């Protein structure tokens, strides 16, 4: 049986492992940024609704 020498392959294995780890970390951070973005978008919508209600209440109170 032919002996397979792994030593020449080790740098390539490490590079592949490092790229895979980096890809995983970047995708996790990207998901976190997307969640924060969705949260900020929802807050903006809530603020717009609250602002409309406050304007309506102010107009209602001024008319009375």
Protein backbone atom coordinates (compact mmCIF):
# COMPACT_ATOMS: atom_id res chain seq x y z
CA UNK A 1 0.00 0.00 0.00
CA UNK A 2 1.23 3.47 -0.83
CA UNK A 3 1.89 5.77 2.12
CA UNK A 4 0.16 9.11 1.80
CA UNK A 5 2.23 12.00 3.10
CA UNK A 6 -0.06 14.59 4.70
CA UNK A 7 2.62 17.16 5.55
CA UNK A 8 2.47 18.94 2.17
CA UNK A 9 -1.34 19.14 2.45
CA UNK A 10 -1.41 20.66 5.94
CA UNK A 11 -1.05 24.31 4.83
CA UNK A 12 -3.94 23.88 2.39
CA UNK A 13 -6.07 22.19 5.02
CA UNK A 14 -5.38 25.07 7.43
CA UNK A 15 -6.26 27.64 4.76
CA UNK A 16 -9.56 25.88 4.02
CA UNK A 17 -10.32 25.62 7.74
CA UNK A 18 -9.51 29.32 8.28
CA UNK A 19 -11.68 30.40 5.34
CA UNK A 20 -14.58 28.26 6.61
CA UNK A 21 -14.28 29.74 10.12
CA UNK A 22 -14.13 33.29 8.73
CA UNK A 23 -17.17 32.63 6.52
CA UNK A 24 -19.12 31.38 9.52
CA UNK A 25 -18.22 34.40 11.65
CA UNK A 26 -19.08 36.86 8.88
CA UNK A 27 -22.45 35.22 8.25
CA UNK A 28 -23.26 35.34 11.98
CA UNK A 29 -22.41 39.03 12.15
CA UNK A 30 -24.43 39.71 9.02
CA UNK A 31 -27.46 38.02 10.59
CA UNK A 32 -27.03 40.16 13.72
CA UNK A 33 -26.89 43.33 11.62
CA UNK A 34 -30.03 42.26 9.73
CA UNK A 35 -31.87 41.69 13.03
CA UNK A 36 -30.83 45.12 14.30
CA UNK A 37 -31.91 46.69 11.03
CA UNK A 38 -35.32 45.02 11.27
CA UNK A 39 -35.63 46.19 14.85
CA UNK A 40 -34.79 49.79 13.91
CA UNK A 41 -37.27 49.65 11.03
CA UNK A 42 -40.00 48.42 13.39
CA UNK A 43 -39.17 51.21 15.87
CA UNK A 44 -39.46 53.79 13.09
CA UNK A 45 -42.88 52.46 12.16
CA UNK A 46 -43.98 52.53 15.80
CA UNK A 47 -42.75 56.11 16.18
CA UNK A 48 -44.67 57.16 13.07
CA UNK A 49 -47.88 55.62 14.47
CA UNK A 50 -47.35 57.28 17.87
CA UNK A 51 -46.69 60.62 16.18
CA UNK A 52 -49.91 60.37 14.18
CA UNK A 53 -51.87 59.56 17.34
CA UNK A 54 -50.33 62.48 19.21
CA UNK A 55 -51.18 64.85 16.35
CA UNK A 56 -54.76 63.52 16.32
CA UNK A 57 -55.07 63.96 20.11
CA UNK A 58 -53.66 67.52 19.92
CA UNK A 59 -56.12 68.44 17.17
CA UNK A 60 -58.99 66.86 19.11
CA UNK A 61 -58.11 68.74 22.30
CA UNK A 62 -57.65 72.07 20.49
CA UNK A 63 -61.07 71.78 18.84
CA UNK A 64 -62.82 71.24 22.18
